[in-house]
């Protein structure tokens, strides 16, 4: 793919919602996966299970996304499509 096409694909306007946490990717062996998360303010963080994240704690990470435990509720954050 020509670099111009890659640049356009990687910088689509509106691809990420502002002020919302977005899961960019997951990686690593299945028994110790990590996730790349874009925080509402735009900062990108790498997290593991147990990490604090947006007022909650990362309960699990799998190939489909991550689960955040917050106020006794579990919320799945899916991978961006």
PDB file of N, CA and C in Angstrom:
ATOM      1  N   UNK A   1       0.849  -1.166   0.000  1.00  0.00           N
ATOM      2  CA  UNK A   1       0.000   0.000   0.000  1.00  0.00           C
ATOM      3  C   UNK A   1       0.898   1.235   0.000  1.00  0.00           C
ATOM      4  N   UNK A   2       0.656   2.191  -0.872  1.00  0.00           N
ATOM      5  CA  UNK A   2       1.461   3.407  -0.893  1.00  0.00           C
ATOM      6  C   UNK A   2       1.345   4.153   0.431  1.00  0.00           C
ATOM      7  N   UNK A   3       2.414   4.846   0.813  1.00  0.00           N
ATOM      8  CA  UNK A   3       2.426   5.518   2.113  1.00  0.00           C
ATOM      9  C   UNK A   3       1.300   6.540   2.258  1.00  0.00           C
ATOM     10  N   UNK A   4       0.892   7.181   1.171  1.00  0.00           N
ATOM     11  CA  UNK A   4      -0.209   8.132   1.229  1.00  0.00           C
ATOM     12  C   UNK A   4      -1.503   7.435   1.637  1.00  0.00           C
ATOM     13  N   UNK A   5      -1.745   6.237   1.101  1.00  0.00           N
ATOM     14  CA  UNK A   5      -2.948   5.473   1.445  1.00  0.00           C
ATOM     15  C   UNK A   5      -2.902   5.023   2.900  1.00  0.00           C
ATOM     16  N   UNK A   6      -1.724   4.620   3.374  1.00  0.00           N
ATOM     17  CA  UNK A   6      -1.566   4.213   4.774  1.00  0.00           C
ATOM     18  C   UNK A   6      -1.854   5.392   5.686  1.00  0.00           C
ATOM     19  N   UNK A   7      -1.308   6.558   5.338  1.00  0.00           N
ATOM     20  CA  UNK A   7      -1.530   7.761   6.130  1.00  0.00           C
ATOM     21  C   UNK A   7      -3.012   8.094   6.226  1.00  0.00           C
ATOM     22  N   UNK A   8      -3.734   8.014   5.117  1.00  0.00           N
ATOM     23  CA  UNK A   8      -5.165   8.302   5.118  1.00  0.00           C
ATOM     24  C   UNK A   8      -5.915   7.300   5.984  1.00  0.00           C
ATOM     25  N   UNK A   9      -5.588   6.018   5.855  1.00  0.00           N
ATOM     26  CA  UNK A   9      -6.275   4.988   6.625  1.00  0.00           C
ATOM     27  C   UNK A   9      -6.018   5.140   8.115  1.00  0.00           C
ATOM     28  N   UNK A  10      -4.833   5.583   8.477  1.00  0.00           N
ATOM     29  CA  UNK A  10      -4.458   5.698   9.887  1.00  0.00           C
ATOM     30  C   UNK A  10      -4.959   6.980  10.537  1.00  0.00           C
ATOM     31  N   UNK A  11      -5.425   7.920   9.742  1.00  0.00           N
ATOM     32  CA  UNK A  11      -5.829   9.211  10.301  1.00  0.00           C
ATOM     33  C   UNK A  11      -7.255   9.582   9.911  1.00  0.00           C
ATOM     34  N   UNK A  12      -8.155   8.610   9.923  1.00  0.00           N
ATOM     35  CA  UNK A  12      -9.540   8.884   9.577  1.00  0.00           C
ATOM     36  C   UNK A  12     -10.168   9.795  10.627  1.00  0.00           C
ATOM     37  N   UNK A  13     -10.786  10.850  10.171  1.00  0.00           N
ATOM     38  CA  UNK A  13     -11.459  11.771  11.078  1.00  0.00           C
ATOM     39  C   UNK A  13     -12.636  11.073  11.736  1.00  0.00           C
ATOM     40  N   UNK A  14     -12.758  11.246  13.054  1.00  0.00           N
ATOM     41  CA  UNK A  14     -13.901  10.698  13.772  1.00  0.00           C
ATOM     42  C   UNK A  14     -13.814   9.208  14.061  1.00  0.00           C
ATOM     43  N   UNK A  15     -12.681   8.579  13.778  1.00  0.00           N
ATOM     44  CA  UNK A  15     -12.548   7.145  14.019  1.00  0.00           C
ATOM     45  C   UNK A  15     -12.609   6.830  15.514  1.00  0.00           C
ATOM     46  N   UNK A  16     -12.079   7.717  16.343  1.00  0.00           N
ATOM     47  CA  UNK A  16     -12.129   7.552  17.798  1.00  0.00           C
ATOM     48  C   UNK A  16     -13.009   8.643  18.386  1.00  0.00           C
ATOM     49  N   UNK A  17     -13.904   8.248  19.288  1.00  0.00           N
ATOM     50  CA  UNK A  17     -14.743   9.232  19.961  1.00  0.00           C
ATOM     51  C   UNK A  17     -13.898   9.974  20.989  1.00  0.00           C
ATOM     52  N   UNK A  18     -14.058  11.277  21.029  1.00  0.00           N
ATOM     53  CA  UNK A  18     -13.336  12.081  22.009  1.00  0.00           C
ATOM     54  C   UNK A  18     -13.995  11.906  23.370  1.00  0.00           C
ATOM     55  N   UNK A  19     -13.210  12.082  24.422  1.00  0.00           N
ATOM     56  CA  UNK A  19     -13.691  12.004  25.800  1.00  0.00           C
ATOM     57  C   UNK A  19     -14.254  10.639  26.172  1.00  0.00           C
ATOM     58  N   UNK A  20     -13.846   9.591  25.461  1.00  0.00           N
ATOM     59  CA  UNK A  20     -14.269   8.230  25.758  1.00  0.00           C
ATOM     60  C   UNK A  20     -13.039   7.337  25.718  1.00  0.00           C
ATOM     61  N   UNK A  21     -12.961   6.387  26.648  1.00  0.00           N
ATOM     62  CA  UNK A  21     -11.856   5.440  26.621  1.00  0.00           C
ATOM     63  C   UNK A  21     -12.051   4.483  25.449  1.00  0.00           C
ATOM     64  N   UNK A  22     -10.977   4.225  24.696  1.00  0.00           N
ATOM     65  CA  UNK A  22     -11.031   3.329  23.543  1.00  0.00           C
ATOM     66  C   UNK A  22      -9.928   2.283  23.647  1.00  0.00           C
ATOM     67  N   UNK A  23     -10.268   1.050  23.352  1.00  0.00           N
ATOM     68  CA  UNK A  23      -9.287  -0.027  23.342  1.00  0.00           C
ATOM     69  C   UNK A  23      -8.699  -0.107  21.944  1.00  0.00           C
ATOM     70  N   UNK A  24      -7.404   0.146  21.827  1.00  0.00           N
ATOM     71  CA  UNK A  24      -6.729   0.171  20.534  1.00  0.00           C
ATOM     72  C   UNK A  24      -6.217  -1.205  20.116  1.00  0.00           C
ATOM     73  N   UNK A  25      -5.830  -2.028  21.098  1.00  0.00           N
ATOM     74  CA  UNK A  25      -5.302  -3.345  20.758  1.00  0.00           C
ATOM     75  C   UNK A  25      -4.976  -4.153  21.997  1.00  0.00           C
ATOM     76  N   UNK A  26      -4.858  -5.463  21.801  1.00  0.00           N
ATOM     77  CA  UNK A  26      -4.424  -6.376  22.860  1.00  0.00           C
ATOM     78  C   UNK A  26      -3.276  -7.206  22.302  1.00  0.00           C
ATOM     79  N   UNK A  27      -2.373  -7.625  23.184  1.00  0.00           N
ATOM     80  CA  UNK A  27      -1.229  -8.399  22.713  1.00  0.00           C
ATOM     81  C   UNK A  27      -0.644  -9.227  23.844  1.00  0.00           C
ATOM     82  N   UNK A  28       0.186 -10.159  23.477  1.00  0.00           N
ATOM     83  CA  UNK A  28       0.885 -10.992  24.446  1.00  0.00           C
ATOM     84  C   UNK A  28       0.310 -12.389  24.506  1.00  0.00           C
ATOM     85  N   UNK A  29       0.969 -13.265  25.272  1.00  0.00           N
ATOM     86  CA  UNK A  29       0.479 -14.633  25.429  1.00  0.00           C
ATOM     87  C   UNK A  29      -0.851 -14.633  26.182  1.00  0.00           C
ATOM     88  N   UNK A  30      -1.692 -15.615  25.911  1.00  0.00           N
ATOM     89  CA  UNK A  30      -3.045 -15.640  26.478  1.00  0.00           C
ATOM     90  C   UNK A  30      -3.067 -15.630  28.004  1.00  0.00           C
ATOM     91  N   UNK A  31      -2.017 -16.094  28.648  1.00  0.00           N
ATOM     92  CA  UNK A  31      -2.004 -16.116  30.114  1.00  0.00           C
ATOM     93  C   UNK A  31      -1.459 -14.825  30.735  1.00  0.00           C
ATOM     94  N   UNK A  32      -1.013 -13.876  29.924  1.00  0.00           N
ATOM     95  CA  UNK A  32      -0.542 -12.585  30.456  1.00  0.00           C
ATOM     96  C   UNK A  32      -0.705 -11.475  29.416  1.00  0.00           C
ATOM     97  N   UNK A  33      -1.925 -11.339  28.894  1.00  0.00           N
ATOM     98  CA  UNK A  33      -2.186 -10.329  27.869  1.00  0.00           C
ATOM     99  C   UNK A  33      -2.121  -8.922  28.443  1.00  0.00           C
ATOM    100  N   UNK A  34      -1.788  -7.981  27.571  1.00  0.00           N
ATOM    101  CA  UNK A  34      -1.778  -6.560  27.888  1.00  0.00           C
ATOM    102  C   UNK A  34      -2.647  -5.849  26.864  1.00  0.00           C
ATOM    103  N   UNK A  35      -3.048  -4.629  27.178  1.00  0.00           N
ATOM    104  CA  UNK A  35      -3.906  -3.868  26.278  1.00  0.00           C
ATOM    105  C   UNK A  35      -3.367  -2.459  26.096  1.00  0.00           C
ATOM    106  N   UNK A  36      -3.581  -1.922  24.921  1.00  0.00           N
ATOM    107  CA  UNK A  36      -3.218  -0.548  24.593  1.00  0.00           C
ATOM    108  C   UNK A  36      -4.521   0.252  24.582  1.00  0.00           C
ATOM    109  N   UNK A  37      -4.636   1.221  25.499  1.00  0.00           N
ATOM    110  CA  UNK A  37      -5.878   1.958  25.708  1.00  0.00           C
ATOM    111  C   UNK A  37      -5.649   3.446  25.490  1.00  0.00           C
ATOM    112  N   UNK A  38      -6.561   4.067  24.772  1.00  0.00           N
ATOM    113  CA  UNK A  38      -6.536   5.534  24.617  1.00  0.00           C
ATOM    114  C   UNK A  38      -7.504   6.095  25.639  1.00  0.00           C
ATOM    115  N   UNK A  39      -6.987   6.913  26.528  1.00  0.00           N
ATOM    116  CA  UNK A  39      -7.778   7.492  27.601  1.00  0.00           C
ATOM    117  C   UNK A  39      -8.620   8.659  27.069  1.00  0.00           C
ATOM    118  N   UNK A  40      -9.679   9.056  27.797  1.00  0.00           N
ATOM    119  CA  UNK A  40     -10.542  10.142  27.325  1.00  0.00           C
ATOM    120  C   UNK A  40      -9.793  11.430  26.993  1.00  0.00           C
ATOM    121  N   UNK A  41      -8.703  11.726  27.680  1.00  0.00           N
ATOM    122  CA  UNK A  41      -7.935  12.936  27.410  1.00  0.00           C
ATOM    123  C   UNK A  41      -6.982  12.810  26.231  1.00  0.00           C
ATOM    124  N   UNK A  42      -6.884  11.607  25.640  1.00  0.00           N
ATOM    125  CA  UNK A  42      -6.027  11.408  24.482  1.00  0.00           C
ATOM    126  C   UNK A  42      -4.736  10.660  24.767  1.00  0.00           C
ATOM    127  N   UNK A  43      -4.381  10.514  26.048  1.00  0.00           N
ATOM    128  CA  UNK A  43      -3.159   9.792  26.416  1.00  0.00           C
ATOM    129  C   UNK A  43      -3.332   8.308  26.131  1.00  0.00           C
ATOM    130  N   UNK A  44      -2.273   7.645  25.687  1.00  0.00           N
ATOM    131  CA  UNK A  44      -2.311   6.209  25.403  1.00  0.00           C
ATOM    132  C   UNK A  44      -1.528   5.492  26.488  1.00  0.00           C
ATOM    133  N   UNK A  45      -2.134   4.434  27.051  1.00  0.00           N
ATOM    134  CA  UNK A  45      -1.516   3.661  28.131  1.00  0.00           C
ATOM    135  C   UNK A  45      -1.510   2.181  27.788  1.00  0.00           C
ATOM    136  N   UNK A  46      -0.515   1.485  28.309  1.00  0.00           N
ATOM    137  CA  UNK A  46      -0.489   0.030  28.265  1.00  0.00           C
ATOM    138  C   UNK A  46      -0.924  -0.451  29.638  1.00  0.00           C
ATOM    139  N   UNK A  47      -1.897  -1.378  29.680  1.00  0.00           N
ATOM    140  CA  UNK A  47      -2.401  -1.868  30.964  1.00  0.00           C
ATOM    141  C   UNK A  47      -2.381  -3.393  31.004  1.00  0.00           C
ATOM    142  N   UNK A  48      -2.332  -3.923  32.232  1.00  0.00           N
ATOM    143  CA  UNK A  48      -2.392  -5.355  32.508  1.00  0.00           C
ATOM    144  C   UNK A  48      -3.553  -5.579  33.470  1.00  0.00           C
ATOM    145  N   UNK A  49      -4.002  -6.835  33.624  1.00  0.00           N
ATOM    146  CA  UNK A  49      -5.030  -7.103  34.639  1.00  0.00           C
ATOM    147  C   UNK A  49      -4.551  -6.604  36.003  1.00  0.00           C
ATOM    148  N   UNK A  50      -5.470  -5.966  36.723  1.00  0.00           N
ATOM    149  CA  UNK A  50      -5.147  -5.402  38.024  1.00  0.00           C
ATOM    150  C   UNK A  50      -4.871  -3.912  37.983  1.00  0.00           C
ATOM    151  N   UNK A  51      -4.605  -3.357  36.811  1.00  0.00           N
ATOM    152  CA  UNK A  51      -4.303  -1.926  36.687  1.00  0.00           C
ATOM    153  C   UNK A  51      -5.550  -1.078  36.932  1.00  0.00           C
ATOM    154  N   UNK A  52      -5.353   0.082  37.548  1.00  0.00           N
ATOM    155  CA  UNK A  52      -6.454   1.041  37.715  1.00  0.00           C
ATOM    156  C   UNK A  52      -6.687   1.738  36.379  1.00  0.00           C
ATOM    157  N   UNK A  53      -7.980   1.913  36.067  1.00  0.00           N
ATOM    158  CA  UNK A  53      -8.333   2.490  34.780  1.00  0.00           C
ATOM    159  C   UNK A  53      -9.690   3.176  34.872  1.00  0.00           C
ATOM    160  N   UNK A  54      -9.748   4.475  34.683  1.00  0.00           N
ATOM    161  CA  UNK A  54     -10.995   5.248  34.677  1.00  0.00           C
ATOM    162  C   UNK A  54     -11.920   4.920  35.845  1.00  0.00           C
ATOM    163  N   UNK A  55     -11.406   5.013  37.039  1.00  0.00           N
ATOM    164  CA  UNK A  55     -12.230   4.791  38.214  1.00  0.00           C
ATOM    165  C   UNK A  55     -12.541   3.339  38.503  1.00  0.00           C
ATOM    166  N   UNK A  56     -11.932   2.431  37.778  1.00  0.00           N
ATOM    167  CA  UNK A  56     -12.145   1.011  37.998  1.00  0.00           C
ATOM    168  C   UNK A  56     -10.835   0.266  37.955  1.00  0.00           C
ATOM    169  N   UNK A  57     -10.935  -1.036  37.824  1.00  0.00           N
ATOM    170  CA  UNK A  57      -9.747  -1.875  37.774  1.00  0.00           C
ATOM    171  C   UNK A  57      -9.914  -2.875  36.630  1.00  0.00           C
ATOM    172  N   UNK A  58      -8.846  -3.105  35.867  1.00  0.00           N
ATOM    173  CA  UNK A  58      -8.883  -4.073  34.770  1.00  0.00           C
ATOM    174  C   UNK A  58      -8.992  -5.463  35.392  1.00  0.00           C
ATOM    175  N   UNK A  59     -10.113  -6.138  35.139  1.00  0.00           N
ATOM    176  CA  UNK A  59     -10.347  -7.470  35.703  1.00  0.00           C
ATOM    177  C   UNK A  59      -9.755  -8.548  34.804  1.00  0.00           C
ATOM    178  N   UNK A  60      -9.824  -8.354  33.482  1.00  0.00           N
ATOM    179  CA  UNK A  60      -9.335  -9.368  32.553  1.00  0.00           C
ATOM    180  C   UNK A  60      -9.098  -8.757  31.180  1.00  0.00           C
ATOM    181  N   UNK A  61      -8.233  -9.417  30.409  1.00  0.00           N
ATOM    182  CA  UNK A  61      -7.968  -9.036  29.022  1.00  0.00           C
ATOM    183  C   UNK A  61      -7.990 -10.326  28.207  1.00  0.00           C
ATOM    184  N   UNK A  62      -8.723 -10.302  27.093  1.00  0.00           N
ATOM    185  CA  UNK A  62      -8.728 -11.454  26.190  1.00  0.00           C
ATOM    186  C   UNK A  62      -8.691 -10.950  24.750  1.00  0.00           C
ATOM    187  N   UNK A  63      -8.776 -11.846  23.803  1.00  0.00           N
ATOM    188  CA  UNK A  63      -8.649 -11.480  22.390  1.00  0.00           C
ATOM    189  C   UNK A  63      -9.773 -10.561  21.907  1.00  0.00           C
ATOM    190  N   UNK A  64     -10.904 -10.521  22.632  1.00  0.00           N
ATOM    191  CA  UNK A  64     -12.043  -9.694  22.221  1.00  0.00           C
ATOM    192  C   UNK A  64     -12.068  -8.326  22.873  1.00  0.00           C
ATOM    193  N   UNK A  65     -11.254  -8.121  23.906  1.00  0.00           N
ATOM    194  CA  UNK A  65     -11.253  -6.836  24.573  1.00  0.00           C
ATOM    195  C   UNK A  65     -10.807  -6.944  26.007  1.00  0.00           C
ATOM    196  N   UNK A  66     -11.235  -5.978  26.819  1.00  0.00           N
ATOM    197  CA  UNK A  66     -10.890  -6.039  28.232  1.00  0.00           C
ATOM    198  C   UNK A  66     -12.140  -5.815  29.070  1.00  0.00           C
ATOM    199  N   UNK A  67     -12.080  -6.279  30.316  1.00  0.00           N
ATOM    200  CA  UNK A  67     -13.193  -6.139  31.239  1.00  0.00           C
ATOM    201  C   UNK A  67     -12.728  -5.255  32.385  1.00  0.00           C
ATOM    202  N   UNK A  68     -13.484  -4.187  32.620  1.00  0.00           N
ATOM    203  CA  UNK A  68     -13.185  -3.247  33.697  1.00  0.00           C
ATOM    204  C   UNK A  68     -14.241  -3.430  34.785  1.00  0.00           C
ATOM    205  N   UNK A  69     -13.785  -3.628  36.006  1.00  0.00           N
ATOM    206  CA  UNK A  69     -14.663  -3.753  37.173  1.00  0.00           C
ATOM    207  C   UNK A  69     -14.764  -2.378  37.818  1.00  0.00           C
ATOM    208  N   UNK A  70     -15.995  -1.837  37.893  1.00  0.00           N
ATOM    209  CA  UNK A  70     -16.195  -0.499  38.433  1.00  0.00           C
ATOM    210  C   UNK A  70     -17.467  -0.485  39.270  1.00  0.00           C
ATOM    211  N   UNK A  71     -17.358  -0.090  40.533  1.00  0.00           N
ATOM    212  CA  UNK A  71     -18.524  -0.019  41.429  1.00  0.00           C
ATOM    213  C   UNK A  71     -19.314  -1.328  41.461  1.00  0.00           C
ATOM    214  N   UNK A  72     -18.624  -2.444  41.483  1.00  0.00           N
ATOM    215  CA  UNK A  72     -19.283  -3.746  41.541  1.00  0.00           C
ATOM    216  C   UNK A  72     -19.864  -4.227  40.229  1.00  0.00           C
ATOM    217  N   UNK A  73     -19.679  -3.464  39.164  1.00  0.00           N
ATOM    218  CA  UNK A  73     -20.204  -3.816  37.836  1.00  0.00           C
ATOM    219  C   UNK A  73     -19.034  -4.129  36.902  1.00  0.00           C
ATOM    220  N   UNK A  74     -19.213  -5.131  36.073  1.00  0.00           N
ATOM    221  CA  UNK A  74     -18.199  -5.474  35.072  1.00  0.00           C
ATOM    222  C   UNK A  74     -18.651  -4.908  33.722  1.00  0.00           C
ATOM    223  N   UNK A  75     -17.740  -4.214  33.061  1.00  0.00           N
ATOM    224  CA  UNK A  75     -18.043  -3.639  31.740  1.00  0.00           C
ATOM    225  C   UNK A  75     -16.995  -4.097  30.746  1.00  0.00           C
ATOM    226  N   UNK A  76     -17.436  -4.663  29.622  1.00  0.00           N
ATOM    227  CA  UNK A  76     -16.511  -5.080  28.573  1.00  0.00           C
ATOM    228  C   UNK A  76     -16.256  -3.889  27.653  1.00  0.00           C
ATOM    229  N   UNK A  77     -14.969  -3.637  27.402  1.00  0.00           N
ATOM    230  CA  UNK A  77     -14.552  -2.625  26.434  1.00  0.00           C
ATOM    231  C   UNK A  77     -14.054  -3.410  25.224  1.00  0.00           C
ATOM    232  N   UNK A  78     -14.822  -3.388  24.130  1.00  0.00           N
ATOM    233  CA  UNK A  78     -14.430  -4.194  22.960  1.00  0.00           C
ATOM    234  C   UNK A  78     -13.306  -3.541  22.167  1.00  0.00           C
ATOM    235  N   UNK A  79     -12.619  -4.357  21.397  1.00  0.00           N
ATOM    236  CA  UNK A  79     -11.595  -3.853  20.474  1.00  0.00           C
ATOM    237  C   UNK A  79     -12.268  -3.006  19.413  1.00  0.00           C
ATOM    238  N   UNK A  80     -11.630  -1.919  19.015  1.00  0.00           N
ATOM    239  CA  UNK A  80     -12.159  -1.087  17.930  1.00  0.00           C
ATOM    240  C   UNK A  80     -12.173  -1.896  16.636  1.00  0.00           C
ATOM    241  N   UNK A  81     -13.192  -1.720  15.863  1.00  0.00           N
ATOM    242  CA  UNK A  81     -13.310  -2.423  14.578  1.00  0.00           C
ATOM    243  C   UNK A  81     -12.866  -1.533  13.446  1.00  0.00           C
TER     244      UNK A  81
END
